[in-house]
Amino acid sequence: MKRKQIEEIRGLTADEITRRLEDSREAYFKLRMQFSTGQLKDTAQLRESRRDIARLETLLREQQRAETAAGSTP
């Protein structure tokens, strides 16, 4: 996931980020299955997919914290 993609994701709503996160987790699961059966040629995809999931979770958490902070400030 490149910086441009990250900036694009920051503009999405929490529901849209959650959907992308679910899709990324599903893709990671499929990669793990391919790896375990010996079908995965590029094992670096596992690492990249795992990092994409972490980035999405981080962006989602940032939005949640920003909403909480905005709600507590009068």
PDB file of N, CA and C in Angstrom:
ATOM      1  N   MET A   1       0.859  -1.165   0.000  1.00  0.00           N
ATOM      2  CA  MET A   1       0.000   0.000   0.000  1.00  0.00           C
ATOM      3  C   MET A   1       0.907   1.231   0.000  1.00  0.00           C
ATOM      4  N   LYS A   2       0.726   2.051  -0.966  1.00  0.00           N
ATOM      5  CA  LYS A   2       1.586   3.219  -1.099  1.00  0.00           C
ATOM      6  C   LYS A   2       0.994   4.409  -0.369  1.00  0.00           C
ATOM      7  N   ARG A   3       1.825   5.419  -0.182  1.00  0.00           N
ATOM      8  CA  ARG A   3       1.392   6.614   0.554  1.00  0.00           C
ATOM      9  C   ARG A   3       0.148   7.223  -0.086  1.00  0.00           C
ATOM     10  N   LYS A   4       0.093   7.235  -1.416  1.00  0.00           N
ATOM     11  CA  LYS A   4      -1.062   7.796  -2.113  1.00  0.00           C
ATOM     12  C   LYS A   4      -2.322   7.025  -1.733  1.00  0.00           C
ATOM     13  N   GLN A   5      -2.222   5.715  -1.650  1.00  0.00           N
ATOM     14  CA  GLN A   5      -3.365   4.896  -1.268  1.00  0.00           C
ATOM     15  C   GLN A   5      -3.763   5.167   0.178  1.00  0.00           C
ATOM     16  N   ILE A   6      -2.801   5.386   1.040  1.00  0.00           N
ATOM     17  CA  ILE A   6      -3.089   5.662   2.437  1.00  0.00           C
ATOM     18  C   ILE A   6      -3.853   6.968   2.562  1.00  0.00           C
ATOM     19  N   GLU A   7      -3.418   7.986   1.831  1.00  0.00           N
ATOM     20  CA  GLU A   7      -4.115   9.269   1.858  1.00  0.00           C
ATOM     21  C   GLU A   7      -5.539   9.118   1.335  1.00  0.00           C
ATOM     22  N   GLU A   8      -5.717   8.276   0.331  1.00  0.00           N
ATOM     23  CA  GLU A   8      -7.051   8.021  -0.206  1.00  0.00           C
ATOM     24  C   GLU A   8      -7.932   7.345   0.847  1.00  0.00           C
ATOM     25  N   ILE A   9      -7.374   6.406   1.579  1.00  0.00           N
ATOM     26  CA  ILE A   9      -8.126   5.676   2.598  1.00  0.00           C
ATOM     27  C   ILE A   9      -8.489   6.585   3.768  1.00  0.00           C
ATOM     28  N   ARG A  10      -7.639   7.544   4.080  1.00  0.00           N
ATOM     29  CA  ARG A  10      -7.958   8.478   5.170  1.00  0.00           C
ATOM     30  C   ARG A  10      -9.237   9.257   4.894  1.00  0.00           C
ATOM     31  N   GLY A  11      -9.578   9.423   3.635  1.00  0.00           N
ATOM     32  CA  GLY A  11     -10.787  10.145   3.271  1.00  0.00           C
ATOM     33  C   GLY A  11     -12.054   9.300   3.333  1.00  0.00           C
ATOM     34  N   LEU A  12     -11.915   8.003   3.561  1.00  0.00           N
ATOM     35  CA  LEU A  12     -13.072   7.113   3.609  1.00  0.00           C
ATOM     36  C   LEU A  12     -13.723   7.131   4.988  1.00  0.00           C
ATOM     37  N   THR A  13     -14.951   6.644   5.023  1.00  0.00           N
ATOM     38  CA  THR A  13     -15.650   6.533   6.305  1.00  0.00           C
ATOM     39  C   THR A  13     -15.171   5.283   7.028  1.00  0.00           C
ATOM     40  N   ALA A  14     -15.526   5.185   8.298  1.00  0.00           N
ATOM     41  CA  ALA A  14     -15.116   4.035   9.107  1.00  0.00           C
ATOM     42  C   ALA A  14     -15.700   2.737   8.550  1.00  0.00           C
ATOM     43  N   ASP A  15     -16.936   2.790   8.041  1.00  0.00           N
ATOM     44  CA  ASP A  15     -17.555   1.589   7.469  1.00  0.00           C
ATOM     45  C   ASP A  15     -16.814   1.108   6.225  1.00  0.00           C
ATOM     46  N   GLU A  16     -16.397   2.044   5.389  1.00  0.00           N
ATOM     47  CA  GLU A  16     -15.665   1.679   4.181  1.00  0.00           C
ATOM     48  C   GLU A  16     -14.301   1.093   4.525  1.00  0.00           C
ATOM     49  N   ILE A  17     -13.643   1.657   5.517  1.00  0.00           N
ATOM     50  CA  ILE A  17     -12.341   1.121   5.946  1.00  0.00           C
ATOM     51  C   ILE A  17     -12.535  -0.279   6.526  1.00  0.00           C
ATOM     52  N   THR A  18     -13.603  -0.466   7.279  1.00  0.00           N
ATOM     53  CA  THR A  18     -13.885  -1.776   7.861  1.00  0.00           C
ATOM     54  C   THR A  18     -14.100  -2.811   6.760  1.00  0.00           C
ATOM     55  N   ARG A  19     -14.803  -2.429   5.689  1.00  0.00           N
ATOM     56  CA  ARG A  19     -15.011  -3.348   4.567  1.00  0.00           C
ATOM     57  C   ARG A  19     -13.686  -3.702   3.899  1.00  0.00           C
ATOM     58  N   ARG A  20     -12.836  -2.712   3.704  1.00  0.00           N
ATOM     59  CA  ARG A  20     -11.519  -2.985   3.105  1.00  0.00           C
ATOM     60  C   ARG A  20     -10.690  -3.882   4.017  1.00  0.00           C
ATOM     61  N   LEU A  21     -10.819  -3.680   5.318  1.00  0.00           N
ATOM     62  CA  LEU A  21     -10.099  -4.496   6.283  1.00  0.00           C
ATOM     63  C   LEU A  21     -10.564  -5.946   6.206  1.00  0.00           C
ATOM     64  N   GLU A  22     -11.868  -6.156   6.110  1.00  0.00           N
ATOM     65  CA  GLU A  22     -12.402  -7.513   5.978  1.00  0.00           C
ATOM     66  C   GLU A  22     -11.912  -8.169   4.687  1.00  0.00           C
ATOM     67  N   ASP A  23     -11.904  -7.408   3.601  1.00  0.00           N
ATOM     68  CA  ASP A  23     -11.412  -7.938   2.323  1.00  0.00           C
ATOM     69  C   ASP A  23      -9.932  -8.297   2.415  1.00  0.00           C
ATOM     70  N   SER A  24      -9.165  -7.455   3.080  1.00  0.00           N
ATOM     71  CA  SER A  24      -7.729  -7.720   3.234  1.00  0.00           C
ATOM     72  C   SER A  24      -7.483  -8.954   4.085  1.00  0.00           C
ATOM     73  N   ARG A  25      -8.276  -9.121   5.123  1.00  0.00           N
ATOM     74  CA  ARG A  25      -8.134 -10.314   5.971  1.00  0.00           C
ATOM     75  C   ARG A  25      -8.484 -11.576   5.204  1.00  0.00           C
ATOM     76  N   GLU A  26      -9.504 -11.491   4.369  1.00  0.00           N
ATOM     77  CA  GLU A  26      -9.881 -12.645   3.554  1.00  0.00           C
ATOM     78  C   GLU A  26      -8.772 -12.981   2.554  1.00  0.00           C
ATOM     79  N   ALA A  27      -8.193 -11.956   1.940  1.00  0.00           N
ATOM     80  CA  ALA A  27      -7.102 -12.175   0.994  1.00  0.00           C
ATOM     81  C   ALA A  27      -5.891 -12.779   1.703  1.00  0.00           C
ATOM     82  N   TYR A  28      -5.614 -12.322   2.925  1.00  0.00           N
ATOM     83  CA  TYR A  28      -4.500 -12.863   3.693  1.00  0.00           C
ATOM     84  C   TYR A  28      -4.741 -14.334   4.021  1.00  0.00           C
ATOM     85  N   PHE A  29      -5.979 -14.663   4.371  1.00  0.00           N
ATOM     86  CA  PHE A  29      -6.320 -16.059   4.660  1.00  0.00           C
ATOM     87  C   PHE A  29      -6.063 -16.937   3.437  1.00  0.00           C
ATOM     88  N   LYS A  30      -6.474 -16.445   2.260  1.00  0.00           N
ATOM     89  CA  LYS A  30      -6.261 -17.210   1.033  1.00  0.00           C
ATOM     90  C   LYS A  30      -4.773 -17.384   0.738  1.00  0.00           C
ATOM     91  N   LEU A  31      -3.996 -16.338   0.983  1.00  0.00           N
ATOM     92  CA  LEU A  31      -2.551 -16.442   0.780  1.00  0.00           C
ATOM     93  C   LEU A  31      -1.934 -17.474   1.722  1.00  0.00           C
ATOM     94  N   ARG A  32      -2.395 -17.481   2.965  1.00  0.00           N
ATOM     95  CA  ARG A  32      -1.887 -18.472   3.923  1.00  0.00           C
ATOM     96  C   ARG A  32      -2.214 -19.890   3.484  1.00  0.00           C
ATOM     97  N   MET A  33      -3.405 -20.078   2.946  1.00  0.00           N
ATOM     98  CA  MET A  33      -3.786 -21.416   2.469  1.00  0.00           C
ATOM     99  C   MET A  33      -2.926 -21.818   1.272  1.00  0.00           C
ATOM    100  N   GLN A  34      -2.687 -20.866   0.369  1.00  0.00           N
ATOM    101  CA  GLN A  34      -1.821 -21.160  -0.769  1.00  0.00           C
ATOM    102  C   GLN A  34      -0.410 -21.501  -0.302  1.00  0.00           C
ATOM    103  N   PHE A  35       0.060 -20.795   0.695  1.00  0.00           N
ATOM    104  CA  PHE A  35       1.396 -21.047   1.227  1.00  0.00           C
ATOM    105  C   PHE A  35       1.480 -22.443   1.838  1.00  0.00           C
ATOM    106  N   SER A  36       0.462 -22.796   2.608  1.00  0.00           N
ATOM    107  CA  SER A  36       0.503 -24.091   3.301  1.00  0.00           C
ATOM    108  C   SER A  36       0.382 -25.263   2.332  1.00  0.00           C
ATOM    109  N   THR A  37      -0.250 -25.051   1.182  1.00  0.00           N
ATOM    110  CA  THR A  37      -0.360 -26.126   0.196  1.00  0.00           C
ATOM    111  C   THR A  37       0.768 -26.100  -0.828  1.00  0.00           C
ATOM    112  N   GLY A  38       1.666 -25.125  -0.705  1.00  0.00           N
ATOM    113  CA  GLY A  38       2.809 -25.051  -1.602  1.00  0.00           C
ATOM    114  C   GLY A  38       2.518 -24.393  -2.932  1.00  0.00           C
ATOM    115  N   GLN A  39       1.392 -23.709  -3.072  1.00  0.00           N
ATOM    116  CA  GLN A  39       1.019 -23.072  -4.328  1.00  0.00           C
ATOM    117  C   GLN A  39       1.497 -21.632  -4.446  1.00  0.00           C
ATOM    118  N   LEU A  40       1.883 -21.033  -3.334  1.00  0.00           N
ATOM    119  CA  LEU A  40       2.278 -19.621  -3.340  1.00  0.00           C
ATOM    120  C   LEU A  40       3.743 -19.497  -3.758  1.00  0.00           C
ATOM    121  N   LYS A  41       3.971 -18.780  -4.840  1.00  0.00           N
ATOM    122  CA  LYS A  41       5.333 -18.609  -5.344  1.00  0.00           C
ATOM    123  C   LYS A  41       6.029 -17.419  -4.674  1.00  0.00           C
ATOM    124  N   ASP A  42       5.315 -16.318  -4.517  1.00  0.00           N
ATOM    125  CA  ASP A  42       5.893 -15.099  -3.959  1.00  0.00           C
ATOM    126  C   ASP A  42       5.478 -14.971  -2.490  1.00  0.00           C
ATOM    127  N   THR A  43       6.321 -15.452  -1.601  1.00  0.00           N
ATOM    128  CA  THR A  43       5.972 -15.451  -0.178  1.00  0.00           C
ATOM    129  C   THR A  43       6.010 -14.052   0.433  1.00  0.00           C
ATOM    130  N   ALA A  44       6.573 -13.094  -0.266  1.00  0.00           N
ATOM    131  CA  ALA A  44       6.593 -11.719   0.227  1.00  0.00           C
ATOM    132  C   ALA A  44       5.183 -11.135   0.276  1.00  0.00           C
ATOM    133  N   GLN A  45       4.265 -11.721  -0.473  1.00  0.00           N
ATOM    134  CA  GLN A  45       2.875 -11.273  -0.448  1.00  0.00           C
ATOM    135  C   GLN A  45       2.265 -11.438   0.939  1.00  0.00           C
ATOM    136  N   LEU A  46       2.666 -12.462   1.658  1.00  0.00           N
ATOM    137  CA  LEU A  46       2.164 -12.676   3.017  1.00  0.00           C
ATOM    138  C   LEU A  46       2.524 -11.494   3.911  1.00  0.00           C
ATOM    139  N   ARG A  47       3.763 -11.101   3.851  1.00  0.00           N
ATOM    140  CA  ARG A  47       4.234  -9.994   4.682  1.00  0.00           C
ATOM    141  C   ARG A  47       3.547  -8.685   4.302  1.00  0.00           C
ATOM    142  N   GLU A  48       3.441  -8.434   3.017  1.00  0.00           N
ATOM    143  CA  GLU A  48       2.805  -7.202   2.552  1.00  0.00           C
ATOM    144  C   GLU A  48       1.324  -7.166   2.938  1.00  0.00           C
ATOM    145  N   SER A  49       0.663  -8.286   2.809  1.00  0.00           N
ATOM    146  CA  SER A  49      -0.754  -8.358   3.167  1.00  0.00           C
ATOM    147  C   SER A  49      -0.947  -8.116   4.665  1.00  0.00           C
ATOM    148  N   ARG A  50      -0.092  -8.702   5.461  1.00  0.00           N
ATOM    149  CA  ARG A  50      -0.167  -8.524   6.914  1.00  0.00           C
ATOM    150  C   ARG A  50       0.063  -7.062   7.293  1.00  0.00           C
ATOM    151  N   ARG A  51       0.974  -6.421   6.605  1.00  0.00           N
ATOM    152  CA  ARG A  51       1.249  -5.003   6.881  1.00  0.00           C
ATOM    153  C   ARG A  51       0.099  -4.111   6.411  1.00  0.00           C
ATOM    154  N   ASP A  52      -0.527  -4.457   5.295  1.00  0.00           N
ATOM    155  CA  ASP A  52      -1.697  -3.704   4.835  1.00  0.00           C
ATOM    156  C   ASP A  52      -2.816  -3.772   5.869  1.00  0.00           C
ATOM    157  N   ILE A  53      -3.024  -4.938   6.445  1.00  0.00           N
ATOM    158  CA  ILE A  53      -4.041  -5.100   7.482  1.00  0.00           C
ATOM    159  C   ILE A  53      -3.703  -4.209   8.677  1.00  0.00           C
ATOM    160  N   ALA A  54      -2.459  -4.192   9.069  1.00  0.00           N
ATOM    161  CA  ALA A  54      -2.045  -3.355  10.198  1.00  0.00           C
ATOM    162  C   ALA A  54      -2.251  -1.874   9.888  1.00  0.00           C
ATOM    163  N   ARG A  55      -1.963  -1.463   8.657  1.00  0.00           N
ATOM    164  CA  ARG A  55      -2.171  -0.063   8.276  1.00  0.00           C
ATOM    165  C   ARG A  55      -3.648   0.311   8.338  1.00  0.00           C
ATOM    166  N   LEU A  56      -4.495  -0.572   7.830  1.00  0.00           N
ATOM    167  CA  LEU A  56      -5.933  -0.303   7.865  1.00  0.00           C
ATOM    168  C   LEU A  56      -6.449  -0.224   9.297  1.00  0.00           C
ATOM    169  N   GLU A  57      -5.975  -1.131  10.143  1.00  0.00           N
ATOM    170  CA  GLU A  57      -6.385  -1.101  11.546  1.00  0.00           C
ATOM    171  C   GLU A  57      -5.929   0.188  12.219  1.00  0.00           C
ATOM    172  N   THR A  58      -4.745   0.640  11.879  1.00  0.00           N
ATOM    173  CA  THR A  58      -4.215   1.878  12.447  1.00  0.00           C
ATOM    174  C   THR A  58      -5.050   3.074  12.009  1.00  0.00           C
ATOM    175  N   LEU A  59      -5.371   3.142  10.720  1.00  0.00           N
ATOM    176  CA  LEU A  59      -6.176   4.245  10.218  1.00  0.00           C
ATOM    177  C   LEU A  59      -7.574   4.230  10.834  1.00  0.00           C
ATOM    178  N   LEU A  60      -8.136   3.057  11.007  1.00  0.00           N
ATOM    179  CA  LEU A  60      -9.455   2.940  11.636  1.00  0.00           C
ATOM    180  C   LEU A  60      -9.404   3.420  13.079  1.00  0.00           C
ATOM    181  N   ARG A  61      -8.365   3.030  13.784  1.00  0.00           N
ATOM    182  CA  ARG A  61      -8.207   3.453  15.181  1.00  0.00           C
ATOM    183  C   ARG A  61      -7.996   4.963  15.269  1.00  0.00           C
ATOM    184  N   GLU A  62      -7.240   5.530  14.349  1.00  0.00           N
ATOM    185  CA  GLU A  62      -7.038   6.984  14.326  1.00  0.00           C
ATOM    186  C   GLU A  62      -8.366   7.707  14.186  1.00  0.00           C
ATOM    187  N   GLN A  63      -9.215   7.212  13.281  1.00  0.00           N
ATOM    188  CA  GLN A  63     -10.531   7.837  13.095  1.00  0.00           C
ATOM    189  C   GLN A  63     -11.378   7.718  14.351  1.00  0.00           C
ATOM    190  N   GLN A  64     -11.344   6.553  14.987  1.00  0.00           N
ATOM    191  CA  GLN A  64     -12.129   6.358  16.207  1.00  0.00           C
ATOM    192  C   GLN A  64     -11.661   7.298  17.309  1.00  0.00           C
ATOM    193  N   ARG A  65     -10.367   7.458  17.452  1.00  0.00           N
ATOM    194  CA  ARG A  65      -9.837   8.356  18.474  1.00  0.00           C
ATOM    195  C   ARG A  65     -10.173   9.804  18.161  1.00  0.00           C
ATOM    196  N   ALA A  66     -10.143  10.178  16.884  1.00  0.00           N
ATOM    197  CA  ALA A  66     -10.482  11.547  16.497  1.00  0.00           C
ATOM    198  C   ALA A  66     -11.957  11.836  16.786  1.00  0.00           C
ATOM    199  N   GLU A  67     -12.827  10.870  16.530  1.00  0.00           N
ATOM    200  CA  GLU A  67     -14.255  11.038  16.814  1.00  0.00           C
ATOM    201  C   GLU A  67     -14.496  11.162  18.314  1.00  0.00           C
ATOM    202  N   THR A  68     -13.779  10.378  19.095  1.00  0.00           N
ATOM    203  CA  THR A  68     -13.907  10.427  20.540  1.00  0.00           C
ATOM    204  C   THR A  68     -13.423  11.772  21.067  1.00  0.00           C
ATOM    205  N   ALA A  69     -12.301  12.232  20.558  1.00  0.00           N
ATOM    206  CA  ALA A  69     -11.745  13.509  20.994  1.00  0.00           C
ATOM    207  C   ALA A  69     -12.664  14.664  20.593  1.00  0.00           C
ATOM    208  N   ALA A  70     -13.236  14.587  19.413  1.00  0.00           N
ATOM    209  CA  ALA A  70     -14.149  15.647  18.960  1.00  0.00           C
ATOM    210  C   ALA A  70     -15.433  15.641  19.771  1.00  0.00           C
ATOM    211  N   GLY A  71     -15.870  14.473  20.197  1.00  0.00           N
ATOM    212  CA  GLY A  71     -17.096  14.374  20.973  1.00  0.00           C
ATOM    213  C   GLY A  71     -16.942  14.833  22.400  1.00  0.00           C
ATOM    214  N   SER A  72     -15.757  14.724  22.959  1.00  0.00           N
ATOM    215  CA  SER A  72     -15.541  15.101  24.359  1.00  0.00           C
ATOM    216  C   SER A  72     -15.205  16.582  24.524  1.00  0.00           C
ATOM    217  N   THR A  73     -14.858  17.262  23.435  1.00  0.00           N
ATOM    218  CA  THR A  73     -14.526  18.681  23.493  1.00  0.00           C
ATOM    219  C   THR A  73     -15.799  19.507  23.300  1.00  0.00           C
ATOM    220  N   PRO A  74     -16.130  20.378  24.265  1.00  0.00           N
ATOM    221  CA  PRO A  74     -17.354  21.186  24.126  1.00  0.00           C
ATOM    222  C   PRO A  74     -17.219  22.308  23.146  1.00  0.00           C
TER     223      PRO A  74
END
